[in-house]
PDB file of N, CA and C in Angstrom:
ATOM      1  N   MET A   1     -34.428  12.155  11.699  1.00  0.00           N
ATOM      2  CA  MET A   1     -33.550  11.805  12.790  1.00  0.00           C
ATOM      3  C   MET A   1     -32.206  11.353  12.219  1.00  0.00           C
ATOM      4  N   SER A   2     -31.112  11.701  12.876  1.00  0.00           N
ATOM      5  CA  SER A   2     -29.769  11.347  12.430  1.00  0.00           C
ATOM      6  C   SER A   2     -29.488   9.868  12.634  1.00  0.00           C
ATOM      7  N   ALA A   3     -28.688   9.327  11.753  1.00  0.00           N
ATOM      8  CA  ALA A   3     -28.229   7.948  11.920  1.00  0.00           C
ATOM      9  C   ALA A   3     -26.969   7.958  12.766  1.00  0.00           C
ATOM     10  N   LYS A   4     -26.755   6.907  13.508  1.00  0.00           N
ATOM     11  CA  LYS A   4     -25.522   6.835  14.286  1.00  0.00           C
ATOM     12  C   LYS A   4     -24.384   6.449  13.358  1.00  0.00           C
ATOM     13  N   GLN A   5     -23.189   6.969  13.651  1.00  0.00           N
ATOM     14  CA  GLN A   5     -22.033   6.633  12.848  1.00  0.00           C
ATOM     15  C   GLN A   5     -20.841   6.348  13.752  1.00  0.00           C
ATOM     16  N   GLU A   6     -20.068   5.350  13.375  1.00  0.00           N
ATOM     17  CA  GLU A   6     -18.866   5.005  14.123  1.00  0.00           C
ATOM     18  C   GLU A   6     -17.788   6.039  13.832  1.00  0.00           C
ATOM     19  N   VAL A   7     -17.047   6.427  14.863  1.00  0.00           N
ATOM     20  CA  VAL A   7     -15.956   7.389  14.726  1.00  0.00           C
ATOM     21  C   VAL A   7     -14.647   6.633  14.917  1.00  0.00           C
ATOM     22  N   ILE A   8     -13.703   6.840  13.988  1.00  0.00           N
ATOM     23  CA  ILE A   8     -12.409   6.173  14.066  1.00  0.00           C
ATOM     24  C   ILE A   8     -11.308   7.207  13.882  1.00  0.00           C
ATOM     25  N   SER A   9     -10.334   7.190  14.801  1.00  0.00           N
ATOM     26  CA  SER A   9      -9.161   8.051  14.697  1.00  0.00           C
ATOM     27  C   SER A   9      -7.921   7.168  14.649  1.00  0.00           C
ATOM     28  N   ALA A  10      -7.068   7.387  13.657  1.00  0.00           N
ATOM     29  CA  ALA A  10      -5.819   6.629  13.555  1.00  0.00           C
ATOM     30  C   ALA A  10      -4.829   7.040  14.637  1.00  0.00           C
ATOM     31  N   SER A  11      -5.088   8.160  15.315  1.00  0.00           N
ATOM     32  CA  SER A  11      -4.186   8.662  16.352  1.00  0.00           C
ATOM     33  C   SER A  11      -4.494   8.108  17.734  1.00  0.00           C
ATOM     34  N   ALA A  12      -5.499   7.260  17.851  1.00  0.00           N
ATOM     35  CA  ALA A  12      -5.857   6.646  19.132  1.00  0.00           C
ATOM     36  C   ALA A  12      -5.835   5.133  18.964  1.00  0.00           C
ATOM     37  N   GLN A  13      -5.829   4.437  20.089  1.00  0.00           N
ATOM     38  CA  GLN A  13      -5.784   2.982  20.066  1.00  0.00           C
ATOM     39  C   GLN A  13      -6.929   2.414  19.238  1.00  0.00           C
ATOM     40  N   ALA A  14      -6.610   1.454  18.393  1.00  0.00           N
ATOM     41  CA  ALA A  14      -7.641   0.792  17.591  1.00  0.00           C
ATOM     42  C   ALA A  14      -8.589   0.035  18.513  1.00  0.00           C
ATOM     43  N   PRO A  15      -9.866   0.035  18.200  1.00  0.00           N
ATOM     44  CA  PRO A  15     -10.814  -0.700  19.036  1.00  0.00           C
ATOM     45  C   PRO A  15     -10.548  -2.201  18.987  1.00  0.00           C
ATOM     46  N   VAL A  16     -10.842  -2.863  20.090  1.00  0.00           N
ATOM     47  CA  VAL A  16     -10.642  -4.303  20.199  1.00  0.00           C
ATOM     48  C   VAL A  16     -11.985  -5.005  20.037  1.00  0.00           C
ATOM     49  N   GLY A  17     -11.993  -6.071  19.286  1.00  0.00           N
ATOM     50  CA  GLY A  17     -13.221  -6.846  19.119  1.00  0.00           C
ATOM     51  C   GLY A  17     -14.301  -6.050  18.411  1.00  0.00           C
ATOM     52  N   THR A  18     -15.484  -6.050  18.986  1.00  0.00           N
ATOM     53  CA  THR A  18     -16.627  -5.367  18.373  1.00  0.00           C
ATOM     54  C   THR A  18     -16.849  -3.970  18.934  1.00  0.00           C
ATOM     55  N   PHE A  19     -15.876  -3.444  19.674  1.00  0.00           N
ATOM     56  CA  PHE A  19     -16.013  -2.126  20.284  1.00  0.00           C
ATOM     57  C   PHE A  19     -15.669  -1.024  19.286  1.00  0.00           C
ATOM     58  N   SER A  20     -16.110   0.193  19.587  1.00  0.00           N
ATOM     59  CA  SER A  20     -15.809   1.380  18.786  1.00  0.00           C
ATOM     60  C   SER A  20     -15.042   2.374  19.642  1.00  0.00           C
ATOM     61  N   GLN A  21     -14.241   3.228  19.006  1.00  0.00           N
ATOM     62  CA  GLN A  21     -13.618   4.326  19.747  1.00  0.00           C
ATOM     63  C   GLN A  21     -14.693   5.291  20.211  1.00  0.00           C
ATOM     64  N   ALA A  22     -15.661   5.524  19.345  1.00  0.00           N
ATOM     65  CA  ALA A  22     -16.763   6.433  19.674  1.00  0.00           C
ATOM     66  C   ALA A  22     -17.899   6.214  18.685  1.00  0.00           C
ATOM     67  N   ILE A  23     -19.062   6.658  19.095  1.00  0.00           N
ATOM     68  CA  ILE A  23     -20.242   6.667  18.237  1.00  0.00           C
ATOM     69  C   ILE A  23     -20.787   8.092  18.238  1.00  0.00           C
ATOM     70  N   LYS A  24     -21.068   8.614  17.045  1.00  0.00           N
ATOM     71  CA  LYS A  24     -21.670   9.943  16.928  1.00  0.00           C
ATOM     72  C   LYS A  24     -23.131   9.764  16.552  1.00  0.00           C
ATOM     73  N   TYR A  25     -23.996  10.417  17.310  1.00  0.00           N
ATOM     74  CA  TYR A  25     -25.429  10.377  17.039  1.00  0.00           C
ATOM     75  C   TYR A  25     -25.937  11.805  17.127  1.00  0.00           C
ATOM     76  N   GLY A  26     -26.291  12.368  15.995  1.00  0.00           N
ATOM     77  CA  GLY A  26     -26.682  13.776  15.977  1.00  0.00           C
ATOM     78  C   GLY A  26     -25.483  14.640  16.341  1.00  0.00           C
ATOM     79  N   ASN A  27     -25.639  15.497  17.340  1.00  0.00           N
ATOM     80  CA  ASN A  27     -24.558  16.376  17.789  1.00  0.00           C
ATOM     81  C   ASN A  27     -23.830  15.834  19.006  1.00  0.00           C
ATOM     82  N   THR A  28     -24.090  14.581  19.370  1.00  0.00           N
ATOM     83  CA  THR A  28     -23.487  13.996  20.562  1.00  0.00           C
ATOM     84  C   THR A  28     -22.502  12.903  20.176  1.00  0.00           C
ATOM     85  N   VAL A  29     -21.344  12.904  20.843  1.00  0.00           N
ATOM     86  CA  VAL A  29     -20.335  11.871  20.629  1.00  0.00           C
ATOM     87  C   VAL A  29     -20.197  11.076  21.921  1.00  0.00           C
ATOM     88  N   TYR A  30     -20.358   9.772  21.820  1.00  0.00           N
ATOM     89  CA  TYR A  30     -20.240   8.870  22.967  1.00  0.00           C
ATOM     90  C   TYR A  30     -18.899   8.150  22.888  1.00  0.00           C
ATOM     91  N   LEU A  31     -18.032   8.398  23.875  1.00  0.00           N
ATOM     92  CA  LEU A  31     -16.721   7.755  23.933  1.00  0.00           C
ATOM     93  C   LEU A  31     -16.686   6.813  25.123  1.00  0.00           C
ATOM     94  N   SER A  32     -15.904   5.754  24.991  1.00  0.00           N
ATOM     95  CA  SER A  32     -15.690   4.867  26.134  1.00  0.00           C
ATOM     96  C   SER A  32     -14.441   4.033  25.897  1.00  0.00           C
ATOM     97  N   GLY A  33     -13.909   3.490  26.970  1.00  0.00           N
ATOM     98  CA  GLY A  33     -12.814   2.537  26.869  1.00  0.00           C
ATOM     99  C   GLY A  33     -11.469   3.095  26.459  1.00  0.00           C
ATOM    100  N   GLN A  34     -11.277   4.397  26.525  1.00  0.00           N
ATOM    101  CA  GLN A  34      -9.984   4.960  26.160  1.00  0.00           C
ATOM    102  C   GLN A  34      -8.969   4.708  27.277  1.00  0.00           C
ATOM    103  N   ILE A  35      -7.747   4.390  26.879  1.00  0.00           N
ATOM    104  CA  ILE A  35      -6.660   4.166  27.835  1.00  0.00           C
ATOM    105  C   ILE A  35      -5.436   4.946  27.370  1.00  0.00           C
ATOM    106  N   GLY A  36      -4.392   4.925  28.163  1.00  0.00           N
ATOM    107  CA  GLY A  36      -3.165   5.655  27.839  1.00  0.00           C
ATOM    108  C   GLY A  36      -2.267   4.890  26.884  1.00  0.00           C
ATOM    109  N   TRP A  37      -2.805   4.475  25.756  1.00  0.00           N
ATOM    110  CA  TRP A  37      -2.055   3.706  24.762  1.00  0.00           C
ATOM    111  C   TRP A  37      -1.421   4.657  23.761  1.00  0.00           C
ATOM    112  N   ASP A  38      -0.116   4.498  23.542  1.00  0.00           N
ATOM    113  CA  ASP A  38       0.608   5.331  22.582  1.00  0.00           C
ATOM    114  C   ASP A  38       0.709   4.564  21.266  1.00  0.00           C
ATOM    115  N   VAL A  39       0.021   5.028  20.230  1.00  0.00           N
ATOM    116  CA  VAL A  39       0.031   4.313  18.947  1.00  0.00           C
ATOM    117  C   VAL A  39       1.383   4.418  18.244  1.00  0.00           C
ATOM    118  N   LYS A  40       2.190   5.413  18.597  1.00  0.00           N
ATOM    119  CA  LYS A  40       3.511   5.555  17.969  1.00  0.00           C
ATOM    120  C   LYS A  40       4.463   4.459  18.432  1.00  0.00           C
ATOM    121  N   THR A  41       4.392   4.096  19.721  1.00  0.00           N
ATOM    122  CA  THR A  41       5.259   3.050  20.266  1.00  0.00           C
ATOM    123  C   THR A  41       4.543   1.706  20.356  1.00  0.00           C
ATOM    124  N   ASN A  42       3.230   1.722  20.146  1.00  0.00           N
ATOM    125  CA  ASN A  42       2.383   0.533  20.272  1.00  0.00           C
ATOM    126  C   ASN A  42       2.491  -0.084  21.668  1.00  0.00           C
ATOM    127  N   ARG A  43       2.530   0.799  22.680  1.00  0.00           N
ATOM    128  CA  ARG A  43       2.645   0.360  24.075  1.00  0.00           C
ATOM    129  C   ARG A  43       1.791   1.243  24.979  1.00  0.00           C
ATOM    130  N   LEU A  44       1.439   0.656  26.117  1.00  0.00           N
ATOM    131  CA  LEU A  44       0.757   1.409  27.158  1.00  0.00           C
ATOM    132  C   LEU A  44       1.774   2.297  27.861  1.00  0.00           C
ATOM    133  N   VAL A  45       1.451   3.558  28.058  1.00  0.00           N
ATOM    134  CA  VAL A  45       2.329   4.478  28.785  1.00  0.00           C
ATOM    135  C   VAL A  45       2.310   4.069  30.255  1.00  0.00           C
ATOM    136  N   THR A  46       3.485   3.807  30.830  1.00  0.00           N
ATOM    137  CA  THR A  46       3.550   3.314  32.211  1.00  0.00           C
ATOM    138  C   THR A  46       4.506   4.101  33.099  1.00  0.00           C
ATOM    139  N   GLU A  47       5.104   5.182  32.594  1.00  0.00           N
ATOM    140  CA  GLU A  47       6.084   5.920  33.398  1.00  0.00           C
ATOM    141  C   GLU A  47       5.483   6.440  34.700  1.00  0.00           C
ATOM    142  N   SER A  48       4.269   6.962  34.612  1.00  0.00           N
ATOM    143  CA  SER A  48       3.603   7.519  35.795  1.00  0.00           C
ATOM    144  C   SER A  48       2.113   7.648  35.494  1.00  0.00           C
ATOM    145  N   PHE A  49       1.348   7.860  36.549  1.00  0.00           N
ATOM    146  CA  PHE A  49      -0.087   8.089  36.380  1.00  0.00           C
ATOM    147  C   PHE A  49      -0.319   9.310  35.506  1.00  0.00           C
ATOM    148  N   GLU A  50       0.457  10.373  35.752  1.00  0.00           N
ATOM    149  CA  GLU A  50       0.287  11.620  35.008  1.00  0.00           C
ATOM    150  C   GLU A  50       0.579  11.427  33.524  1.00  0.00           C
ATOM    151  N   ALA A  51       1.639  10.667  33.205  1.00  0.00           N
ATOM    152  CA  ALA A  51       1.991  10.423  31.803  1.00  0.00           C
ATOM    153  C   ALA A  51       0.909   9.594  31.110  1.00  0.00           C
ATOM    154  N   GLN A  52       0.371   8.606  31.830  1.00  0.00           N
ATOM    155  CA  GLN A  52      -0.695   7.782  31.263  1.00  0.00           C
ATOM    156  C   GLN A  52      -1.959   8.610  31.029  1.00  0.00           C
ATOM    157  N   LEU A  53      -2.287   9.476  31.993  1.00  0.00           N
ATOM    158  CA  LEU A  53      -3.456  10.347  31.855  1.00  0.00           C
ATOM    159  C   LEU A  53      -3.274  11.322  30.694  1.00  0.00           C
ATOM    160  N   ASP A  54      -2.067  11.863  30.551  1.00  0.00           N
ATOM    161  CA  ASP A  54      -1.790  12.786  29.451  1.00  0.00           C
ATOM    162  C   ASP A  54      -2.010  12.097  28.103  1.00  0.00           C
ATOM    163  N   GLN A  55      -1.537  10.859  27.969  1.00  0.00           N
ATOM    164  CA  GLN A  55      -1.736  10.118  26.718  1.00  0.00           C
ATOM    165  C   GLN A  55      -3.208   9.814  26.495  1.00  0.00           C
ATOM    166  N   LEU A  56      -3.907   9.419  27.544  1.00  0.00           N
ATOM    167  CA  LEU A  56      -5.342   9.144  27.438  1.00  0.00           C
ATOM    168  C   LEU A  56      -6.088  10.373  26.927  1.00  0.00           C
ATOM    169  N   LEU A  57      -5.764  11.538  27.463  1.00  0.00           N
ATOM    170  CA  LEU A  57      -6.450  12.763  27.040  1.00  0.00           C
ATOM    171  C   LEU A  57      -6.111  13.124  25.595  1.00  0.00           C
ATOM    172  N   ARG A  58      -4.872  12.857  25.160  1.00  0.00           N
ATOM    173  CA  ARG A  58      -4.526  13.067  23.743  1.00  0.00           C
ATOM    174  C   ARG A  58      -5.357  12.134  22.856  1.00  0.00           C
ATOM    175  N   ASN A  59      -5.544  10.894  23.312  1.00  0.00           N
ATOM    176  CA  ASN A  59      -6.359   9.942  22.550  1.00  0.00           C
ATOM    177  C   ASN A  59      -7.804  10.410  22.464  1.00  0.00           C
ATOM    178  N   VAL A  60      -8.362  10.846  23.590  1.00  0.00           N
ATOM    179  CA  VAL A  60      -9.743  11.343  23.603  1.00  0.00           C
ATOM    180  C   VAL A  60      -9.876  12.533  22.660  1.00  0.00           C
ATOM    181  N   LYS A  61      -8.921  13.452  22.713  1.00  0.00           N
ATOM    182  CA  LYS A  61      -8.953  14.637  21.851  1.00  0.00           C
ATOM    183  C   LYS A  61      -8.948  14.234  20.374  1.00  0.00           C
ATOM    184  N   SER A  62      -8.127  13.262  20.013  1.00  0.00           N
ATOM    185  CA  SER A  62      -8.061  12.865  18.601  1.00  0.00           C
ATOM    186  C   SER A  62      -9.364  12.215  18.136  1.00  0.00           C
ATOM    187  N   VAL A  63     -10.018  11.457  19.014  1.00  0.00           N
ATOM    188  CA  VAL A  63     -11.294  10.840  18.643  1.00  0.00           C
ATOM    189  C   VAL A  63     -12.385  11.902  18.521  1.00  0.00           C
ATOM    190  N   VAL A  64     -12.405  12.843  19.457  1.00  0.00           N
ATOM    191  CA  VAL A  64     -13.394  13.931  19.402  1.00  0.00           C
ATOM    192  C   VAL A  64     -13.198  14.747  18.124  1.00  0.00           C
ATOM    193  N   GLU A  65     -11.947  15.041  17.775  1.00  0.00           N
ATOM    194  CA  GLU A  65     -11.674  15.796  16.551  1.00  0.00           C
ATOM    195  C   GLU A  65     -12.063  14.996  15.305  1.00  0.00           C
ATOM    196  N   ALA A  66     -11.869  13.673  15.330  1.00  0.00           N
ATOM    197  CA  ALA A  66     -12.280  12.835  14.196  1.00  0.00           C
ATOM    198  C   ALA A  66     -13.795  12.870  14.007  1.00  0.00           C
ATOM    199  N   ALA A  67     -14.510  13.160  15.097  1.00  0.00           N
ATOM    200  CA  ALA A  67     -15.973  13.268  15.030  1.00  0.00           C
ATOM    201  C   ALA A  67     -16.421  14.671  14.647  1.00  0.00           C
ATOM    202  N   GLY A  68     -15.454  15.585  14.443  1.00  0.00           N
ATOM    203  CA  GLY A  68     -15.796  16.949  14.056  1.00  0.00           C
ATOM    204  C   GLY A  68     -15.956  17.896  15.224  1.00  0.00           C
ATOM    205  N   GLY A  69     -15.543  17.468  16.417  1.00  0.00           N
ATOM    206  CA  GLY A  69     -15.673  18.309  17.608  1.00  0.00           C
ATOM    207  C   GLY A  69     -14.334  18.837  18.078  1.00  0.00           C
ATOM    208  N   SER A  70     -14.346  19.433  19.253  1.00  0.00           N
ATOM    209  CA  SER A  70     -13.117  19.941  19.860  1.00  0.00           C
ATOM    210  C   SER A  70     -13.263  19.900  21.371  1.00  0.00           C
ATOM    211  N   LEU A  71     -12.126  19.941  22.042  1.00  0.00           N
ATOM    212  CA  LEU A  71     -12.122  19.998  23.508  1.00  0.00           C
ATOM    213  C   LEU A  71     -11.821  21.409  23.954  1.00  0.00           C
TER     214      LEU A  71
END
Protein backbone atom coordinates (compact mmCIF):
# COMPACT_ATOMS: atom_id res chain seq x y z
CA MET A 1 0.00 0.00 0.00
CA SER A 2 1.25 3.52 -0.81
CA ALA A 3 2.26 5.93 1.90
CA LYS A 4 0.65 9.33 1.97
CA GLN A 5 2.87 12.25 1.05
CA GLU A 6 2.44 15.98 1.49
CA VAL A 7 2.43 18.00 -1.74
CA ILE A 8 3.95 21.49 -1.75
CA SER A 9 4.01 23.98 -4.62
CA ALA A 10 5.96 27.24 -4.35
CA SER A 11 3.53 28.72 -6.91
CA ALA A 12 0.54 28.51 -4.55
CA GLN A 13 -0.18 30.01 -1.15
CA ALA A 14 1.89 28.45 1.61
CA PRO A 15 -0.19 26.38 4.02
CA VAL A 16 -1.11 28.01 7.32
CA GLY A 17 -0.55 26.23 10.61
CA THR A 18 -0.68 22.46 10.38
CA PHE A 19 -2.55 22.40 7.05
CA SER A 20 -1.21 21.07 3.73
CA GLN A 21 -1.76 22.33 0.19
CA ALA A 22 -2.52 18.74 -0.75
CA ILE A 23 -1.95 15.14 0.24
CA LYS A 24 -1.16 12.45 -2.33
CA TYR A 25 -2.17 8.89 -1.50
CA GLY A 26 -1.59 6.38 -4.25
CA ASN A 27 -2.97 7.88 -7.47
CA THR A 28 -5.30 10.30 -5.68
CA VAL A 29 -4.54 13.90 -4.72
CA TYR A 30 -6.65 15.53 -2.01
CA LEU A 31 -6.71 19.34 -2.16
CA SER A 32 -8.48 21.76 0.15
CA GLY A 33 -8.41 25.33 1.36
CA GLN A 34 -7.17 26.95 -1.84
CA ILE A 35 -7.99 30.64 -2.25
CA GLY A 36 -7.25 33.34 -4.81
CA TRP A 37 -3.91 34.28 -3.24
CA ASP A 38 -1.25 35.66 -5.58
CA VAL A 39 2.20 34.62 -4.30
CA LYS A 40 3.90 37.16 -6.59
CA THR A 41 2.19 40.12 -4.89
CA ASN A 42 1.63 38.33 -1.56
CA ARG A 43 -1.99 39.52 -1.62
CA LEU A 44 -5.48 38.17 -2.09
CA VAL A 45 -6.83 38.98 -5.56
CA THR A 46 -9.82 41.28 -4.99
CA GLU A 47 -10.50 43.02 -8.33
CA SER A 48 -13.48 40.79 -9.09
CA PHE A 49 -14.94 37.36 -8.43
CA GLU A 50 -13.68 36.21 -11.83
CA ALA A 51 -10.12 37.41 -11.16
CA GLN A 52 -10.10 35.70 -7.76
CA LEU A 53 -11.43 32.47 -9.28
CA ASP A 54 -8.82 32.62 -12.05
CA GLN A 55 -6.03 32.91 -9.45
CA LEU A 56 -7.53 30.11 -7.37
CA LEU A 57 -7.57 27.80 -10.40
CA ARG A 58 -3.93 28.69 -11.21
CA ASN A 59 -3.05 27.76 -7.61
CA VAL A 60 -4.93 24.46 -7.84
CA LYS A 61 -3.20 23.68 -11.15
CA SER A 62 0.25 24.31 -9.66
CA VAL A 63 -0.45 22.04 -6.68
CA VAL A 64 -1.82 19.28 -8.92
CA GLU A 65 1.26 19.56 -11.15
CA ALA A 66 3.55 19.43 -8.08
CA ALA A 67 1.85 16.11 -7.29
CA GLY A 68 2.67 14.83 -10.79
CA GLY A 69 -0.81 15.32 -12.23
CA SER A 70 -2.48 17.65 -14.70
CA LEU A 71 -5.79 19.40 -15.21
